[in-house]
Amino acid sequence: YYTLEYAPTAEPARKRTQQVSGAH
């Protein structure tokens, strides 16, 4: 599966994480 992490460049502490199926 994939782990997706994203955050505003200016505020890395606001990172959000999502798991995505390997089929996507």
PDB file of all heavy atoms in Angstrom:
ATOM      1  N   TYR A   1       0.874  -1.178   0.000  1.00  0.00           N
ATOM      2  CA  TYR A   1       0.000   0.000   0.000  1.00  0.00           C
ATOM      3  C   TYR A   1       0.907   1.223   0.000  1.00  0.00           C
ATOM      4  O   TYR A   1       2.138   1.106   0.096  1.00  0.00           O
ATOM      5  CB  TYR A   1      -0.924   0.000   1.216  1.00  0.00           C
ATOM      6  CG  TYR A   1      -0.198   0.038   2.541  1.00  0.00           C
ATOM      7  CD1 TYR A   1       0.060   1.259   3.173  1.00  0.00           C
ATOM      8  CD2 TYR A   1       0.238  -1.143   3.158  1.00  0.00           C
ATOM      9  CE1 TYR A   1       0.748   1.288   4.376  1.00  0.00           C
ATOM     10  CE2 TYR A   1       0.920  -1.107   4.354  1.00  0.00           C
ATOM     11  CZ  TYR A   1       1.179   0.116   4.970  1.00  0.00           C
ATOM     12  OH  TYR A   1       1.851   0.159   6.158  1.00  0.00           O
ATOM     13  N   TYR A   2       0.297   2.398  -0.156  1.00  0.00           N
ATOM     14  CA  TYR A   2       1.059   3.644  -0.137  1.00  0.00           C
ATOM     15  C   TYR A   2       0.714   4.420   1.121  1.00  0.00           C
ATOM     16  O   TYR A   2      -0.439   4.457   1.542  1.00  0.00           O
ATOM     17  CB  TYR A   2       0.708   4.523  -1.339  1.00  0.00           C
ATOM     18  CG  TYR A   2       0.973   3.882  -2.674  1.00  0.00           C
ATOM     19  CD1 TYR A   2      -0.057   3.262  -3.378  1.00  0.00           C
ATOM     20  CD2 TYR A   2       2.240   3.913  -3.247  1.00  0.00           C
ATOM     21  CE1 TYR A   2       0.169   2.680  -4.620  1.00  0.00           C
ATOM     22  CE2 TYR A   2       2.479   3.336  -4.488  1.00  0.00           C
ATOM     23  CZ  TYR A   2       1.440   2.720  -5.169  1.00  0.00           C
ATOM     24  OH  TYR A   2       1.670   2.148  -6.391  1.00  0.00           O
ATOM     25  N   THR A   3       1.711   5.060   1.701  1.00  0.00           N
ATOM     26  CA  THR A   3       1.451   6.060   2.732  1.00  0.00           C
ATOM     27  C   THR A   3       1.664   7.419   2.089  1.00  0.00           C
ATOM     28  O   THR A   3       2.719   7.670   1.488  1.00  0.00           O
ATOM     29  CB  THR A   3       2.403   5.897   3.930  1.00  0.00           C
ATOM     30  OG1 THR A   3       2.180   4.610   4.494  1.00  0.00           O
ATOM     31  CG2 THR A   3       2.112   6.953   4.991  1.00  0.00           C
ATOM     32  N   LEU A   4       0.640   8.256   2.165  1.00  0.00           N
ATOM     33  CA  LEU A   4       0.715   9.587   1.577  1.00  0.00           C
ATOM     34  C   LEU A   4       0.835  10.593   2.710  1.00  0.00           C
ATOM     35  O   LEU A   4       0.019  10.584   3.641  1.00  0.00           O
ATOM     36  CB  LEU A   4      -0.558   9.841   0.768  1.00  0.00           C
ATOM     37  CG  LEU A   4      -0.600  11.176   0.048  1.00  0.00           C
ATOM     38  CD1 LEU A   4       0.352  11.155  -1.136  1.00  0.00           C
ATOM     39  CD2 LEU A   4      -2.012  11.468  -0.419  1.00  0.00           C
ATOM     40  N   GLU A   5       1.860  11.423   2.644  1.00  0.00           N
ATOM     41  CA  GLU A   5       2.025  12.470   3.649  1.00  0.00           C
ATOM     42  C   GLU A   5       2.036  13.812   2.942  1.00  0.00           C
ATOM     43  O   GLU A   5       2.684  13.960   1.902  1.00  0.00           O
ATOM     44  CB  GLU A   5       3.358  12.291   4.390  1.00  0.00           C
ATOM     45  CG  GLU A   5       3.446  10.994   5.161  1.00  0.00           C
ATOM     46  CD  GLU A   5       4.802  10.835   5.852  1.00  0.00           C
ATOM     47  OE1 GLU A   5       5.744  11.575   5.487  1.00  0.00           O
ATOM     48  OE2 GLU A   5       4.889   9.989   6.755  1.00  0.00           O
ATOM     49  N   TYR A   6       1.305  14.789   3.499  1.00  0.00           N
ATOM     50  CA  TYR A   6       1.355  16.123   2.895  1.00  0.00           C
ATOM     51  C   TYR A   6       1.211  17.181   3.970  1.00  0.00           C
ATOM     52  O   TYR A   6       0.534  16.992   4.971  1.00  0.00           O
ATOM     53  CB  TYR A   6       0.301  16.278   1.798  1.00  0.00           C
ATOM     54  CG  TYR A   6      -1.131  16.087   2.226  1.00  0.00           C
ATOM     55  CD1 TYR A   6      -1.968  17.187   2.442  1.00  0.00           C
ATOM     56  CD2 TYR A   6      -1.665  14.810   2.398  1.00  0.00           C
ATOM     57  CE1 TYR A   6      -3.302  17.006   2.822  1.00  0.00           C
ATOM     58  CE2 TYR A   6      -2.976  14.626   2.777  1.00  0.00           C
ATOM     59  CZ  TYR A   6      -3.791  15.734   2.990  1.00  0.00           C
ATOM     60  OH  TYR A   6      -5.090  15.549   3.373  1.00  0.00           O
ATOM     61  N   ALA A   7       1.874  18.290   3.741  1.00  0.00           N
ATOM     62  CA  ALA A   7       1.863  19.396   4.700  1.00  0.00           C
ATOM     63  C   ALA A   7       2.225  20.684   3.974  1.00  0.00           C
ATOM     64  O   ALA A   7       2.979  20.649   2.990  1.00  0.00           O
ATOM     65  CB  ALA A   7       2.884  19.143   5.811  1.00  0.00           C
ATOM     66  N   PRO A   8       1.703  21.820   4.459  1.00  0.00           N
ATOM     67  CA  PRO A   8       2.158  23.095   3.897  1.00  0.00           C
ATOM     68  C   PRO A   8       3.669  23.233   4.131  1.00  0.00           C
ATOM     69  O   PRO A   8       4.155  22.930   5.222  1.00  0.00           O
ATOM     70  CB  PRO A   8       1.391  24.148   4.703  1.00  0.00           C
ATOM     71  CG  PRO A   8       0.250  23.415   5.337  1.00  0.00           C
ATOM     72  CD  PRO A   8       0.717  22.004   5.534  1.00  0.00           C
ATOM     73  N   THR A   9       4.391  23.676   3.104  1.00  0.00           N
ATOM     74  CA  THR A   9       5.843  23.836   3.212  1.00  0.00           C
ATOM     75  C   THR A   9       6.209  24.701   4.417  1.00  0.00           C
ATOM     76  O   THR A   9       7.179  24.441   5.119  1.00  0.00           O
ATOM     77  CB  THR A   9       6.385  24.508   1.933  1.00  0.00           C
ATOM     78  OG1 THR A   9       5.927  23.744   0.827  1.00  0.00           O
ATOM     79  CG2 THR A   9       7.894  24.540   1.913  1.00  0.00           C
ATOM     80  N   ALA A  10       5.422  25.743   4.649  1.00  0.00           N
ATOM     81  CA  ALA A  10       5.730  26.687   5.725  1.00  0.00           C
ATOM     82  C   ALA A  10       5.412  26.113   7.108  1.00  0.00           C
ATOM     83  O   ALA A  10       5.905  26.625   8.109  1.00  0.00           O
ATOM     84  CB  ALA A  10       4.939  27.979   5.507  1.00  0.00           C
ATOM     85  N   GLU A  11       4.562  25.088   7.160  1.00  0.00           N
ATOM     86  CA  GLU A  11       4.159  24.536   8.462  1.00  0.00           C
ATOM     87  C   GLU A  11       4.218  23.016   8.441  1.00  0.00           C
ATOM     88  O   GLU A  11       3.181  22.349   8.433  1.00  0.00           O
ATOM     89  CB  GLU A  11       2.730  24.974   8.799  1.00  0.00           C
ATOM     90  CG  GLU A  11       2.531  26.472   8.822  1.00  0.00           C
ATOM     91  CD  GLU A  11       1.060  26.807   8.983  1.00  0.00           C
ATOM     92  OE1 GLU A  11       0.570  26.762  10.124  1.00  0.00           O
ATOM     93  OE2 GLU A  11       0.403  27.083   7.962  1.00  0.00           O
ATOM     94  N   PRO A  12       5.436  22.468   8.461  1.00  0.00           N
ATOM     95  CA  PRO A  12       5.562  21.000   8.380  1.00  0.00           C
ATOM     96  C   PRO A  12       4.851  20.271   9.518  1.00  0.00           C
ATOM     97  O   PRO A  12       4.476  19.113   9.374  1.00  0.00           O
ATOM     98  CB  PRO A  12       7.076  20.762   8.432  1.00  0.00           C
ATOM     99  CG  PRO A  12       7.727  22.093   8.449  1.00  0.00           C
ATOM    100  CD  PRO A  12       6.716  23.160   8.502  1.00  0.00           C
ATOM    101  N   ALA A  13       4.631  20.966  10.621  1.00  0.00           N
ATOM    102  CA  ALA A  13       3.972  20.314  11.761  1.00  0.00           C
ATOM    103  C   ALA A  13       2.513  19.967  11.469  1.00  0.00           C
ATOM    104  O   ALA A  13       1.919  19.128  12.146  1.00  0.00           O
ATOM    105  CB  ALA A  13       4.047  21.216  12.989  1.00  0.00           C
ATOM    106  N   ARG A  14       1.938  20.608  10.464  1.00  0.00           N
ATOM    107  CA  ARG A  14       0.530  20.337  10.133  1.00  0.00           C
ATOM    108  C   ARG A  14       0.405  19.176   9.155  1.00  0.00           C
ATOM    109  O   ARG A  14      -0.538  19.114   8.363  1.00  0.00           O
ATOM    110  CB  ARG A  14      -0.124  21.597   9.562  1.00  0.00           C
ATOM    111  CG  ARG A  14      -0.382  22.651  10.627  1.00  0.00           C
ATOM    112  CD  ARG A  14      -0.994  23.899  10.032  1.00  0.00           C
ATOM    113  NE  ARG A  14      -2.172  23.599   9.208  1.00  0.00           N
ATOM    114  CZ  ARG A  14      -2.660  24.425   8.296  1.00  0.00           C
ATOM    115  NH1 ARG A  14      -2.077  25.567   8.063  1.00  0.00           N
ATOM    116  NH2 ARG A  14      -3.732  24.085   7.607  1.00  0.00           N
ATOM    117  N   LYS A  15       1.352  18.255   9.223  1.00  0.00           N
ATOM    118  CA  LYS A  15       1.377  17.131   8.291  1.00  0.00           C
ATOM    119  C   LYS A  15       0.159  16.235   8.473  1.00  0.00           C
ATOM    120  O   LYS A  15      -0.254  15.948   9.589  1.00  0.00           O
ATOM    121  CB  LYS A  15       2.649  16.322   8.518  1.00  0.00           C
ATOM    122  CG  LYS A  15       2.792  15.163   7.553  1.00  0.00           C
ATOM    123  CD  LYS A  15       4.209  14.651   7.536  1.00  0.00           C
ATOM    124  CE  LYS A  15       4.440  13.690   8.696  1.00  0.00           C
ATOM    125  NZ  LYS A  15       5.797  13.114   8.650  1.00  0.00           N
ATOM    126  N   ARG A  16      -0.418  15.825   7.341  1.00  0.00           N
ATOM    127  CA  ARG A  16      -1.509  14.855   7.382  1.00  0.00           C
ATOM    128  C   ARG A  16      -1.054  13.594   6.651  1.00  0.00           C
ATOM    129  O   ARG A  16      -0.271  13.667   5.708  1.00  0.00           O
ATOM    130  CB  ARG A  16      -2.751  15.429   6.700  1.00  0.00           C
ATOM    131  CG  ARG A  16      -3.362  16.554   7.525  1.00  0.00           C
ATOM    132  CD  ARG A  16      -4.735  16.911   6.997  1.00  0.00           C
ATOM    133  NE  ARG A  16      -4.731  18.234   6.392  1.00  0.00           N
ATOM    134  CZ  ARG A  16      -5.769  18.761   5.753  1.00  0.00           C
ATOM    135  NH1 ARG A  16      -6.886  18.075   5.619  1.00  0.00           N
ATOM    136  NH2 ARG A  16      -5.696  19.956   5.233  1.00  0.00           N
ATOM    137  N   THR A  17      -1.542  12.463   7.101  1.00  0.00           N
ATOM    138  CA  THR A  17      -1.132  11.175   6.549  1.00  0.00           C
ATOM    139  C   THR A  17      -2.366  10.389   6.122  1.00  0.00           C
ATOM    140  O   THR A  17      -3.395  10.458   6.789  1.00  0.00           O
ATOM    141  CB  THR A  17      -0.359  10.373   7.618  1.00  0.00           C
ATOM    142  OG1 THR A  17       0.710  11.176   8.085  1.00  0.00           O
ATOM    143  CG2 THR A  17       0.210   9.096   7.042  1.00  0.00           C
ATOM    144  N   GLN A  18      -2.229   9.699   5.012  1.00  0.00           N
ATOM    145  CA  GLN A  18      -3.348   8.915   4.497  1.00  0.00           C
ATOM    146  C   GLN A  18      -2.791   7.610   3.945  1.00  0.00           C
ATOM    147  O   GLN A  18      -1.701   7.613   3.375  1.00  0.00           O
ATOM    148  CB  GLN A  18      -3.991   9.718   3.357  1.00  0.00           C
ATOM    149  CG  GLN A  18      -5.483   9.626   3.281  1.00  0.00           C
ATOM    150  CD  GLN A  18      -6.024  10.671   2.301  1.00  0.00           C
ATOM    151  OE1 GLN A  18      -5.589  11.812   2.311  1.00  0.00           O
ATOM    152  NE2 GLN A  18      -6.946  10.268   1.467  1.00  0.00           N
ATOM    153  N   GLN A  19      -3.521   6.516   4.106  1.00  0.00           N
ATOM    154  CA  GLN A  19      -3.100   5.266   3.484  1.00  0.00           C
ATOM    155  C   GLN A  19      -3.926   5.010   2.243  1.00  0.00           C
ATOM    156  O   GLN A  19      -5.129   5.253   2.232  1.00  0.00           O
ATOM    157  CB  GLN A  19      -3.251   4.102   4.461  1.00  0.00           C
ATOM    158  CG  GLN A  19      -2.141   4.104   5.484  1.00  0.00           C
ATOM    159  CD  GLN A  19      -2.060   2.792   6.240  1.00  0.00           C
ATOM    160  OE1 GLN A  19      -2.837   1.878   5.992  1.00  0.00           O
ATOM    161  NE2 GLN A  19      -1.116   2.716   7.164  1.00  0.00           N
ATOM    162  N   VAL A  20      -3.254   4.543   1.198  1.00  0.00           N
ATOM    163  CA  VAL A  20      -3.901   4.334  -0.091  1.00  0.00           C
ATOM    164  C   VAL A  20      -3.592   2.914  -0.555  1.00  0.00           C
ATOM    165  O   VAL A  20      -2.447   2.474  -0.474  1.00  0.00           O
ATOM    166  CB  VAL A  20      -3.358   5.342  -1.135  1.00  0.00           C
ATOM    167  CG1 VAL A  20      -4.168   5.261  -2.417  1.00  0.00           C
ATOM    168  CG2 VAL A  20      -3.388   6.765  -0.589  1.00  0.00           C
ATOM    169  N   SER A  21      -4.601   2.242  -1.053  1.00  0.00           N
ATOM    170  CA  SER A  21      -4.427   0.873  -1.537  1.00  0.00           C
ATOM    171  C   SER A  21      -3.393   0.824  -2.664  1.00  0.00           C
ATOM    172  O   SER A  21      -3.262   1.760  -3.452  1.00  0.00           O
ATOM    173  CB  SER A  21      -5.773   0.359  -2.046  1.00  0.00           C
ATOM    174  OG  SER A  21      -5.595  -0.498  -3.153  1.00  0.00           O
ATOM    175  N   GLY A  22      -2.675  -0.278  -2.747  1.00  0.00           N
ATOM    176  CA  GLY A  22      -1.664  -0.457  -3.791  1.00  0.00           C
ATOM    177  C   GLY A  22      -2.240  -0.462  -5.196  1.00  0.00           C
ATOM    178  O   GLY A  22      -1.518  -0.292  -6.171  1.00  0.00           O
ATOM    179  N   ALA A  23      -3.552  -0.657  -5.300  1.00  0.00           N
ATOM    180  CA  ALA A  23      -4.178  -0.689  -6.627  1.00  0.00           C
ATOM    181  C   ALA A  23      -4.330   0.710  -7.224  1.00  0.00           C
ATOM    182  O   ALA A  23      -4.541   0.861  -8.417  1.00  0.00           O
ATOM    183  CB  ALA A  23      -5.547  -1.353  -6.531  1.00  0.00           C
ATOM    184  N   HIS A  24      -4.269   1.752  -6.393  1.00  0.00           N
ATOM    185  CA  HIS A  24      -4.511   3.119  -6.869  1.00  0.00           C
ATOM    186  C   HIS A  24      -3.296   3.722  -7.557  1.00  0.00           C
ATOM    187  O   HIS A  24      -2.170   3.438  -7.183  1.00  0.00           O
ATOM    188  CB  HIS A  24      -4.879   4.035  -5.697  1.00  0.00           C
ATOM    189  CG  HIS A  24      -6.260   3.804  -5.173  1.00  0.00           C
ATOM    190  ND1 HIS A  24      -7.346   3.576  -5.957  1.00  0.00           N
ATOM    191  CD2 HIS A  24      -6.727   3.784  -3.895  1.00  0.00           C
ATOM    192  CE1 HIS A  24      -8.429   3.415  -5.203  1.00  0.00           C
ATOM    193  NE2 HIS A  24      -8.067   3.531  -3.941  1.00  0.00           N
TER     194      HIS A  24
END
